[in-house]
Amino acid sequence: MADLIGLDEAERLDVDAVHDLHRRYINKSQVRLMTSFGFGRELVERAEGAYLWTSDGRRILDFTGGVGVLNHGHNHPRILAARRRFQEQKRMEVHKTYFSPYLAALGHNLAQLLPGDLNRSFLPNSGAEAVEGAVKLAYKYHQGRRNTILRSDISFHGKLLGSGGLTGSTQNHFAFPTIPGIRTFTYGDLDSVRRALAEARDANGRSDVYALLIEPFSASTIRWCSEEFLRGLRELCTAEDIVLIFDEIYTGWGKTGSLFYFTRYEGLVPDVVTTSKSFGGGKSSISAYVAREPIFRRAYDNMTDAMMQSTSTTYYGFGEEAATAIEAIAIAVEEDFPARARAIEEVLRPGLERIQKTYPDLIAEVAGAGALHGVFLAGGPKILDMVGKLPVGGPAKDPLIRTKIITAAVIDALYREHDIYTYNTLNGRSPLIVAPPLVAGPDECERFLDAFEAVLEQGMGRLVRRFVRERVSSLW
């Protein structure tokens, strides 16, 4: 008989046993990498609001925002209640020949909140699926007669074969096969877009571009598009009949101070918008792409193609996931998440700018909006200059390894000495991300700022030497 681990036993596993099982059955190198950079050395026993409680009794202020998932914080009581209600009433989870009231209501709510005629939704599981569904829609809209898609040089759209190819990231160091016809433009540069469009024409001078995909706010690099650039994209795409797709998977539902980043600009409407992460209230794995009605109808609204839009069939519009998203949207609207993000910015922005002025040699730049900010760190001992000269292979070949070590040293000190959890991105210039959940208040923001300043007071040289000695040396 198979020696299976039951739920009770799984909940009693200590961190060493968990590491061992991950090494044996998941990914040995992932355990080595994460623990070498100071992560994954404790287990979390419970989570609530903006806090985590580890199995050894620590109370951690979680300023990661779940990498975009936790606008509602951990285990929001209304989200838990909605899921309990679904379960206690034994509602139907999935059945493809019965229409779902939850799916119907969720589609209605999205249409009510989004501008213009963005009113046709499809609801798969992940952000990458939403992106691929949106791109598939755009290709079908043009009936396969166009073969080029434009994306920016700093984009992050997922890690599937299609969405990975559409991602312009330093993480893409291995060339997987992907969808054909991808061309790149410079983020925020309208002239670069015009050049890409001019290069993608057929022999008769007609555009070969079926879609243009852009993140209005790039959460992985902490850069954003100007209003002029976004409106310029809209004009170019309208003139060329190109499907304009806004990826707001991370930045949706209030994170940057408006419901979606693009909605701060009156009258600006893409042809498709994608969302995920906090769309599920921190508890549900669900995403969506929402299309303008004329785009959707031309692509799929006929008896022959009505079932072609799927990116996933089995779990599309899963009942409990859709019910959770209904409640998550209601909370975001009723508790005014955009206003919460702006209130967080009123504390974080001046605090971070003040610390930057105090430590100009350690902080090159502070940027962001709402409850999503990046701190671009600098400095560190000269010994780090030698890292790139180590034998080729492993982390040493990463051109940003110096910055990542500096940033990881600060993250490690915040976590170890002040019980505050932050993270850095692997894209762009690898900033330290300050992205509290929108349930965090001014006291939590002030606590972070005090701790961040106390860490920098130690000096970057001391922080990095200790971090390399205690955490990273095993990588080489």
Protein backbone atom coordinates (compact mmCIF):
# COMPACT_ATOMS: atom_id res chain seq x y z
CA MET A 1 0.00 0.00 0.00
CA ALA A 2 1.28 3.49 -0.85
CA ASP A 3 2.75 5.42 2.08
CA LEU A 4 0.72 8.61 1.68
CA ILE A 5 0.96 11.77 3.78
CA GLY A 6 -2.45 12.78 5.06
CA LEU A 7 -3.69 16.28 5.78
CA ASP A 8 -3.08 16.03 9.53
CA GLU A 9 0.47 14.83 9.02
CA ALA A 10 1.14 17.51 6.37
CA GLU A 11 0.11 20.21 8.83
CA ARG A 12 2.59 18.83 11.40
CA LEU A 13 5.63 18.81 9.08
CA ASP A 14 8.51 20.94 10.33
CA VAL A 15 10.58 23.14 8.02
CA ASP A 16 13.37 20.58 7.61
CA ALA A 17 10.89 17.91 6.52
CA VAL A 18 9.24 20.33 4.11
CA HIS A 19 12.63 21.24 2.59
CA ASP A 20 13.49 17.56 2.25
CA LEU A 21 10.22 16.73 0.48
CA HIS A 22 10.65 19.73 -1.84
CA ARG A 23 14.17 18.60 -2.69
CA ARG A 24 13.04 15.05 -3.40
CA TYR A 25 9.76 15.67 -5.20
CA ILE A 26 9.50 19.32 -6.32
CA ASN A 27 12.78 21.13 -7.16
CA LYS A 28 16.06 20.72 -5.28
CA SER A 29 17.70 23.78 -6.84
CA GLN A 30 14.75 25.98 -5.92
CA VAL A 31 15.21 25.10 -2.26
CA ARG A 32 18.92 25.89 -2.47
CA LEU A 33 18.34 29.20 -4.27
CA MET A 34 15.56 30.49 -2.03
CA THR A 35 17.20 29.55 1.27
CA SER A 36 20.56 30.94 0.12
CA PHE A 37 18.92 34.34 -0.38
CA GLY A 38 17.33 34.22 3.07
CA PHE A 39 13.83 33.05 2.15
CA GLY A 40 11.85 29.95 3.04
CA ARG A 41 13.61 29.20 6.32
CA GLU A 42 10.41 29.27 8.39
CA LEU A 43 6.90 27.95 7.91
CA VAL A 44 3.84 30.17 8.17
CA GLU A 45 1.25 28.88 10.62
CA ARG A 46 -1.50 31.40 9.88
CA ALA A 47 -2.12 34.67 8.05
CA GLU A 48 -4.57 37.49 8.57
CA GLY A 49 -4.81 41.01 7.18
CA ALA A 50 -1.33 42.44 6.72
CA TYR A 51 0.37 39.88 8.99
CA LEU A 52 1.89 36.41 8.96
CA TRP A 53 2.52 34.26 12.05
CA THR A 54 5.37 31.76 11.71
CA SER A 55 5.47 28.38 13.44
CA ASP A 56 8.22 29.66 15.76
CA GLY A 57 6.00 32.48 17.05
CA ARG A 58 7.08 35.49 15.00
CA ARG A 59 4.51 38.05 13.81
CA ILE A 60 5.61 39.31 10.38
CA LEU A 61 4.31 42.47 8.71
CA ASP A 62 3.79 41.36 5.11
CA PHE A 63 4.68 44.28 2.85
CA THR A 64 4.87 42.13 -0.28
CA GLY A 65 1.16 42.44 -1.03
CA GLY A 66 1.40 38.85 -2.22
CA VAL A 67 3.06 40.15 -5.40
CA GLY A 68 -0.23 41.76 -6.39
CA VAL A 69 -2.56 39.09 -4.99
CA LEU A 70 -3.33 40.54 -1.57
CA ASN A 71 -5.06 43.89 -1.99
CA HIS A 72 -7.62 42.43 0.44
CA GLY A 73 -4.92 41.13 2.77
CA HIS A 74 -4.72 37.56 3.99
CA ASN A 75 -7.99 35.80 4.74
CA HIS A 76 -10.34 38.78 4.53
CA PRO A 77 -13.39 37.86 6.69
CA ARG A 78 -15.88 38.63 3.93
CA ILE A 79 -13.96 36.48 1.46
CA LEU A 80 -13.91 33.58 3.92
CA ALA A 81 -17.63 34.02 4.61
CA ALA A 82 -18.46 33.97 0.89
CA ARG A 83 -16.57 30.72 0.41
CA ARG A 84 -18.13 29.12 3.50
CA ARG A 85 -21.57 30.10 2.24
CA PHE A 86 -20.89 28.48 -1.13
CA GLN A 87 -19.68 25.27 0.56
CA GLU A 88 -22.39 25.07 3.22
CA GLN A 89 -25.12 25.47 0.62
CA LYS A 90 -23.45 22.75 -1.48
CA ARG A 91 -23.68 24.89 -4.58
CA MET A 92 -22.72 23.34 -7.93
CA GLU A 93 -19.03 23.84 -8.58
CA VAL A 94 -18.69 22.99 -12.26
CA HIS A 95 -20.83 21.58 -15.04
CA LYS A 96 -20.46 22.65 -18.64
CA THR A 97 -24.07 22.16 -19.69
CA TYR A 98 -25.63 24.27 -16.92
CA PHE A 99 -25.20 28.02 -16.96
CA SER A 100 -23.64 29.50 -13.82
CA PRO A 101 -25.40 32.35 -11.97
CA TYR A 102 -22.03 33.32 -10.50
CA LEU A 103 -20.42 33.61 -13.91
CA ALA A 104 -23.38 35.65 -15.19
CA ALA A 105 -23.24 38.03 -12.22
CA LEU A 106 -19.47 38.40 -12.42
CA GLY A 107 -19.60 39.28 -16.12
CA HIS A 108 -22.27 41.88 -15.36
CA ASN A 109 -20.23 43.42 -12.56
CA LEU A 110 -17.11 43.71 -14.69
CA ALA A 111 -19.10 45.42 -17.43
CA GLN A 112 -20.57 47.87 -14.90
CA LEU A 113 -17.17 48.88 -13.54
CA LEU A 114 -15.12 49.08 -16.73
CA PRO A 115 -15.45 52.05 -19.09
CA GLY A 116 -16.97 52.17 -22.55
CA ASP A 117 -18.20 48.94 -24.09
CA LEU A 118 -15.73 46.66 -22.31
CA ASN A 119 -18.49 44.21 -21.51
CA ARG A 120 -17.64 40.70 -22.76
CA SER A 121 -15.71 38.55 -20.28
CA PHE A 122 -13.91 35.25 -20.28
CA LEU A 123 -12.69 33.89 -16.94
CA PRO A 124 -9.86 31.33 -16.90
CA ASN A 125 -7.49 30.58 -14.00
CA SER A 126 -4.24 32.53 -14.30
CA GLY A 127 -2.96 35.83 -15.59
CA ALA A 128 -0.92 34.10 -18.29
CA GLU A 129 -4.08 32.37 -19.54
CA ALA A 130 -5.92 35.70 -19.61
CA VAL A 131 -3.13 37.22 -21.71
CA GLU A 132 -3.07 34.29 -24.11
CA GLY A 133 -6.86 34.38 -24.36
CA ALA A 134 -6.76 38.09 -25.19
CA VAL A 135 -4.10 37.56 -27.85
CA LYS A 136 -6.04 34.62 -29.28
CA LEU A 137 -9.14 36.82 -29.44
CA ALA A 138 -7.21 39.52 -31.33
CA TYR A 139 -5.84 36.99 -33.83
CA LYS A 140 -9.31 35.55 -34.40
CA TYR A 141 -10.77 39.06 -34.76
CA HIS A 142 -8.57 39.47 -37.84
CA GLN A 143 -9.47 35.95 -39.05
CA GLY A 144 -5.80 34.98 -39.24
CA ARG A 145 -5.08 37.53 -41.97
CA ARG A 146 -2.53 39.39 -39.85
CA ASN A 147 0.51 37.76 -38.31
CA THR A 148 2.35 40.33 -36.15
CA ILE A 149 1.93 41.28 -32.49
CA LEU A 150 3.75 44.14 -30.78
CA ARG A 151 4.95 44.10 -27.16
CA SER A 152 7.28 46.35 -25.19
CA ASP A 153 10.87 45.70 -24.27
CA ILE A 154 10.23 45.58 -20.49
CA SER A 155 6.98 43.64 -20.48
CA PHE A 156 6.01 40.82 -18.15
CA HIS A 157 2.97 38.82 -19.27
CA GLY A 158 3.56 35.33 -17.87
CA LYS A 159 5.69 32.21 -18.31
CA LEU A 160 3.70 29.93 -20.60
CA LEU A 161 5.07 29.40 -24.11
CA GLY A 162 2.91 32.14 -25.58
CA SER A 163 2.90 34.64 -22.72
CA GLY A 164 6.58 33.92 -22.06
CA GLY A 165 7.44 34.93 -25.61
CA LEU A 166 5.46 38.12 -25.13
CA THR A 167 7.48 38.91 -22.00
CA GLY A 168 10.45 41.22 -22.47
CA SER A 169 12.34 40.32 -19.31
CA THR A 170 15.88 39.58 -18.20
CA GLN A 171 14.43 36.33 -16.85
CA ASN A 172 14.09 35.03 -20.41
CA HIS A 173 17.59 33.61 -20.70
CA PHE A 174 16.39 30.41 -22.37
CA ALA A 175 14.77 30.55 -25.80
CA PHE A 176 11.56 28.50 -25.59
CA PRO A 177 9.46 28.25 -28.74
CA THR A 178 6.57 30.69 -28.74
CA ILE A 179 3.93 32.27 -30.96
CA PRO A 180 5.27 33.68 -34.23
CA GLY A 181 5.38 37.29 -35.35
CA ILE A 182 6.42 39.04 -32.11
CA ARG A 183 7.97 42.48 -32.58
CA THR A 184 9.27 44.76 -29.84
CA PHE A 185 8.95 48.50 -29.22
CA THR A 186 10.45 50.69 -26.52
CA TYR A 187 8.23 51.17 -23.50
CA GLY A 188 6.77 54.67 -23.39
CA ASP A 189 8.25 55.70 -26.77
CA LEU A 190 5.53 56.44 -29.33
CA ASP A 191 8.05 56.94 -32.12
CA SER A 192 9.34 53.43 -31.45
CA VAL A 193 5.79 52.10 -31.84
CA ARG A 194 5.40 53.99 -35.11
CA ARG A 195 8.65 52.46 -36.41
CA ALA A 196 7.49 48.97 -35.43
CA LEU A 197 4.19 49.55 -37.21
CA ALA A 198 5.94 50.81 -40.33
CA GLU A 199 8.14 47.71 -40.42
CA ALA A 200 5.12 45.39 -40.13
CA ARG A 201 3.34 46.03 -43.43
CA ASP A 202 2.60 43.70 -46.29
CA ALA A 203 3.56 44.25 -49.93
CA ASN A 204 0.50 46.45 -50.44
CA GLY A 205 1.33 48.68 -47.47
CA ARG A 206 -1.42 47.27 -45.25
CA SER A 207 -0.73 46.67 -41.55
CA ASP A 208 0.16 43.11 -40.57
CA VAL A 209 -0.27 43.84 -36.83
CA TYR A 210 -3.26 42.17 -35.18
CA ALA A 211 -2.57 43.25 -31.57
CA LEU A 212 -0.50 45.55 -29.40
CA LEU A 213 0.03 44.38 -25.79
CA ILE A 214 1.15 46.79 -23.04
CA GLU A 215 1.19 47.13 -19.26
CA PRO A 216 0.06 50.72 -18.54
CA PHE A 217 1.97 50.38 -15.25
CA SER A 218 4.85 47.90 -15.32
CA ALA A 219 4.81 46.46 -11.79
CA SER A 220 7.97 44.42 -12.31
CA THR A 221 10.06 47.47 -13.26
CA ILE A 222 8.10 50.27 -11.51
CA ARG A 223 7.68 52.26 -14.69
CA TRP A 224 4.48 53.54 -16.19
CA CYS A 225 3.14 54.98 -19.40
CA SER A 226 2.26 58.64 -19.70
CA GLU A 227 -1.25 59.69 -20.59
CA GLU A 228 0.09 61.05 -23.88
CA PHE A 229 1.65 57.69 -24.74
CA LEU A 230 -1.46 55.65 -23.89
CA ARG A 231 -3.75 57.97 -25.84
CA GLY A 232 -1.27 57.87 -28.72
CA LEU A 233 -1.44 54.07 -28.72
CA ARG A 234 -5.22 54.26 -28.80
CA GLU A 235 -5.13 56.58 -31.82
CA LEU A 236 -2.61 54.45 -33.72
CA CYS A 237 -4.47 51.22 -33.02
CA THR A 238 -7.82 52.72 -33.99
CA ALA A 239 -6.38 54.05 -37.26
CA GLU A 240 -4.84 50.66 -38.15
CA ASP A 241 -7.66 48.47 -36.75
CA ILE A 242 -5.22 46.87 -34.28
CA VAL A 243 -6.56 45.27 -31.09
CA LEU A 244 -5.15 47.23 -28.14
CA ILE A 245 -4.68 45.05 -25.04
CA PHE A 246 -3.94 46.52 -21.61
CA ASP A 247 -2.43 44.06 -19.13
CA GLU A 248 -3.56 45.10 -15.64
CA ILE A 249 -3.09 41.72 -13.97
CA TYR A 250 -1.04 43.15 -11.09
CA THR A 251 -2.31 46.73 -10.99
CA GLY A 252 -6.05 46.14 -11.08
CA TRP A 253 -8.51 46.67 -8.22
CA GLY A 254 -7.10 49.84 -6.74
CA LYS A 255 -3.40 49.07 -6.28
CA THR A 256 -2.04 52.26 -7.88
CA GLY A 257 -4.77 54.65 -6.67
CA SER A 258 -7.37 54.15 -9.41
CA LEU A 259 -9.52 51.08 -10.00
CA PHE A 260 -7.25 50.15 -12.90
CA TYR A 261 -4.25 52.24 -13.83
CA PHE A 262 -5.69 53.25 -17.21
CA THR A 263 -9.06 54.33 -15.73
CA ARG A 264 -7.47 57.47 -14.29
CA TYR A 265 -7.63 58.86 -17.84
CA GLU A 266 -11.16 59.82 -18.83
CA GLY A 267 -12.36 58.28 -22.07
CA LEU A 268 -9.33 56.02 -22.58
CA VAL A 269 -10.65 52.54 -23.46
CA PRO A 270 -8.55 49.62 -24.72
CA ASP A 271 -10.07 46.87 -26.83
CA VAL A 272 -9.25 44.25 -24.19
CA VAL A 273 -8.10 44.43 -20.56
CA THR A 274 -6.71 41.52 -18.55
CA THR A 275 -6.91 41.09 -14.78
CA SER A 276 -6.03 38.47 -12.19
CA LYS A 277 -4.15 38.42 -8.83
CA SER A 278 -6.34 40.49 -6.42
CA PHE A 279 -9.35 39.78 -8.63
CA GLY A 280 -9.64 36.57 -6.57
CA GLY A 281 -9.54 38.31 -3.20
CA GLY A 282 -6.33 36.59 -2.13
CA LYS A 283 -8.11 33.25 -1.98
CA SER A 284 -9.27 32.31 -5.48
CA SER A 285 -7.22 31.45 -8.57
CA ILE A 286 -9.18 33.29 -11.23
CA SER A 287 -8.45 35.73 -14.04
CA ALA A 288 -10.34 37.50 -16.77
CA TYR A 289 -10.00 39.18 -20.07
CA VAL A 290 -12.74 41.68 -20.85
CA ALA A 291 -13.24 42.76 -24.44
CA ARG A 292 -15.13 45.51 -26.20
CA GLU A 293 -18.34 44.15 -27.65
CA PRO A 294 -17.54 44.70 -31.38
CA ILE A 295 -14.18 42.93 -31.00
CA PHE A 296 -15.68 39.95 -29.24
CA ARG A 297 -18.70 39.62 -31.51
CA ARG A 298 -16.64 39.57 -34.67
CA ALA A 299 -14.30 36.94 -33.24
CA TYR A 300 -16.56 34.50 -31.41
CA ASP A 301 -20.23 35.50 -31.37
CA ASN A 302 -21.53 32.93 -33.86
CA MET A 303 -22.67 29.33 -33.60
CA THR A 304 -19.52 27.96 -35.24
CA ASP A 305 -16.99 29.74 -33.00
CA ALA A 306 -18.96 30.12 -29.76
CA MET A 307 -16.85 27.48 -27.96
CA MET A 308 -13.50 28.47 -29.51
CA GLN A 309 -12.62 31.21 -27.02
CA SER A 310 -11.56 28.82 -24.26
CA THR A 311 -8.03 28.86 -22.90
CA SER A 312 -9.09 26.26 -20.35
CA THR A 313 -12.25 24.18 -20.47
CA THR A 314 -12.39 22.23 -17.22
CA TYR A 315 -11.89 25.03 -14.71
CA TYR A 316 -13.18 28.02 -16.63
CA GLY A 317 -15.61 29.96 -14.42
CA PHE A 318 -15.35 27.50 -11.51
CA GLY A 319 -18.28 28.20 -9.17
CA GLU A 320 -16.52 28.96 -5.89
CA GLU A 321 -13.81 30.95 -7.66
CA ALA A 322 -16.39 33.11 -9.43
CA ALA A 323 -18.40 33.58 -6.20
CA THR A 324 -15.20 34.67 -4.45
CA ALA A 325 -14.40 37.17 -7.20
CA ILE A 326 -17.91 38.65 -6.91
CA GLU A 327 -17.28 39.33 -3.22
CA ALA A 328 -13.72 40.54 -3.85
CA ILE A 329 -14.99 43.15 -6.33
CA ALA A 330 -17.73 44.23 -3.92
CA ILE A 331 -15.16 44.78 -1.15
CA ALA A 332 -12.85 46.74 -3.47
CA VAL A 333 -15.72 49.05 -4.43
CA GLU A 334 -17.45 49.39 -1.06
CA GLU A 335 -14.22 49.89 0.89
CA ASP A 336 -12.87 52.20 -1.86
CA PHE A 337 -9.59 50.43 -2.49
CA PRO A 338 -8.30 53.20 -4.79
CA ALA A 339 -8.71 55.69 -1.92
CA ARG A 340 -6.96 53.27 0.44
CA ALA A 341 -4.03 53.07 -1.98
CA ARG A 342 -3.85 56.86 -2.21
CA ALA A 343 -3.86 57.12 1.60
CA ILE A 344 -0.96 54.65 1.75
CA GLU A 345 0.90 56.72 -0.85
CA GLU A 346 0.45 59.85 1.29
CA VAL A 347 2.58 58.15 3.96
CA LEU A 348 4.99 56.08 1.90
CA ARG A 349 6.00 58.54 -0.81
CA PRO A 350 7.18 61.42 1.43
CA GLY A 351 8.75 58.93 3.84
CA LEU A 352 10.75 57.19 1.13
CA GLU A 353 11.78 60.49 -0.43
CA ARG A 354 12.97 61.74 2.96
CA ILE A 355 15.05 58.58 3.46
CA GLN A 356 16.48 58.93 -0.04
CA LYS A 357 17.67 62.46 0.80
CA THR A 358 19.28 61.12 3.97
CA TYR A 359 21.06 58.29 2.11
CA PRO A 360 21.63 59.54 -1.45
CA ASP A 361 24.57 57.16 -1.94
CA LEU A 362 22.44 54.14 -1.05
CA ILE A 363 19.16 54.99 -2.81
CA ALA A 364 19.44 55.90 -6.48
CA GLU A 365 15.72 56.40 -7.05
CA VAL A 366 12.27 56.03 -5.50
CA ALA A 367 9.26 55.63 -7.79
CA GLY A 368 5.71 54.36 -7.75
CA ALA A 369 2.04 55.12 -7.31
CA GLY A 370 -0.58 54.26 -4.72
CA ALA A 371 0.46 51.19 -2.73
CA LEU A 372 3.09 50.08 -5.25
CA HIS A 373 6.55 51.63 -4.94
CA GLY A 374 10.07 50.62 -5.90
CA VAL A 375 13.30 51.58 -4.14
CA PHE A 376 16.33 51.33 -6.42
CA LEU A 377 19.33 50.66 -4.17
CA ALA A 378 22.99 51.35 -4.83
CA GLY A 379 26.33 51.18 -3.01
CA GLY A 380 27.85 48.14 -1.38
CA PRO A 381 31.45 47.03 -0.87
CA LYS A 382 33.85 46.87 -3.80
CA ILE A 383 34.19 43.13 -3.34
CA LEU A 384 30.87 42.80 -5.14
CA ASP A 385 32.56 43.97 -8.33
CA MET A 386 34.29 40.58 -8.35
CA VAL A 387 31.04 38.62 -8.49
CA GLY A 388 30.67 38.98 -12.24
CA LYS A 389 34.21 37.65 -12.69
CA LEU A 390 33.43 34.33 -11.06
CA PRO A 391 33.33 31.25 -13.34
CA VAL A 392 30.44 31.40 -15.77
CA GLY A 393 27.34 29.61 -14.55
CA GLY A 394 24.76 29.97 -11.83
CA PRO A 395 23.85 33.37 -10.38
CA ALA A 396 27.26 34.86 -11.22
CA LYS A 397 26.31 35.20 -14.90
CA ASP A 398 23.34 37.43 -14.05
CA PRO A 399 24.26 41.01 -15.09
CA LEU A 400 22.16 42.33 -12.20
CA ILE A 401 23.65 40.04 -9.55
CA ARG A 402 25.36 42.94 -7.75
CA THR A 403 22.11 44.90 -7.45
CA LYS A 404 20.21 41.79 -6.42
CA ILE A 405 22.66 41.00 -3.63
CA ILE A 406 22.50 44.58 -2.32
CA THR A 407 18.71 44.54 -2.40
CA ALA A 408 18.47 41.06 -0.90
CA ALA A 409 20.77 42.14 1.95
CA VAL A 410 18.36 44.94 2.86
CA ILE A 411 15.34 42.64 2.54
CA ASP A 412 17.08 40.09 4.77
CA ALA A 413 17.82 42.70 7.45
CA LEU A 414 14.24 44.00 7.39
CA TYR A 415 12.97 40.48 7.85
CA ARG A 416 15.50 39.23 10.38
CA GLU A 417 15.75 42.34 12.56
CA HIS A 418 12.35 44.00 12.18
CA ASP A 419 9.91 41.22 11.21
CA ILE A 420 8.97 42.96 7.96
CA TYR A 421 8.69 41.01 4.74
CA THR A 422 9.45 42.73 1.40
CA TYR A 423 10.70 41.44 -1.94
CA ASN A 424 12.56 42.50 -5.07
CA THR A 425 11.61 41.86 -8.69
CA LEU A 426 13.71 39.88 -11.13
CA ASN A 427 12.84 42.17 -14.03
CA GLY A 428 14.12 45.63 -14.94
CA ARG A 429 16.62 47.08 -12.45
CA SER A 430 15.49 44.72 -9.67
CA PRO A 431 14.10 47.29 -7.20
CA LEU A 432 13.04 46.57 -3.64
CA ILE A 433 9.24 46.54 -3.85
CA VAL A 434 7.16 48.29 -1.19
CA ALA A 435 3.64 47.06 -1.88
CA PRO A 436 1.52 46.67 1.27
CA PRO A 437 -1.95 45.16 1.06
CA LEU A 438 -4.66 47.79 0.89
CA VAL A 439 -5.90 46.80 4.35
CA ALA A 440 -2.67 48.18 5.84
CA GLY A 441 -2.96 51.47 7.68
CA PRO A 442 -0.68 54.44 8.37
CA ASP A 443 0.79 52.78 11.46
CA GLU A 444 2.06 49.85 9.40
CA CYS A 445 3.50 52.24 6.81
CA GLU A 446 5.31 54.25 9.49
CA ARG A 447 6.63 51.05 11.03
CA PHE A 448 8.10 50.03 7.68
CA LEU A 449 9.71 53.44 7.13
CA ASP A 450 11.30 53.43 10.60
CA ALA A 451 12.66 49.93 10.06
CA PHE A 452 13.95 50.72 6.56
CA GLU A 453 15.84 53.75 7.84
CA ALA A 454 17.27 51.75 10.76
CA VAL A 455 18.56 49.12 8.34
CA LEU A 456 20.24 51.68 6.08
CA GLU A 457 21.86 53.33 9.10
CA GLN A 458 24.01 50.21 9.44
CA GLY A 459 25.72 50.98 6.12
CA MET A 460 25.48 48.96 2.93
CA GLY A 461 28.95 47.49 3.33
CA ARG A 462 28.13 45.89 6.66
CA LEU A 463 24.74 44.66 5.46
CA VAL A 464 26.16 43.05 2.33
CA ARG A 465 29.19 41.45 4.00
CA ARG A 466 27.00 39.82 6.63
CA PHE A 467 24.45 38.71 4.07
CA VAL A 468 27.03 37.19 1.72
CA ARG A 469 28.84 35.47 4.59
CA GLU A 470 25.71 34.00 6.17
CA ARG A 471 23.36 33.50 3.23
CA VAL A 472 24.88 33.55 -0.22
CA SER A 473 28.38 32.06 -0.03
CA SER A 474 27.03 28.54 -0.54
CA LEU A 475 25.93 29.42 -4.09
CA TRP A 476 29.52 29.40 -5.36
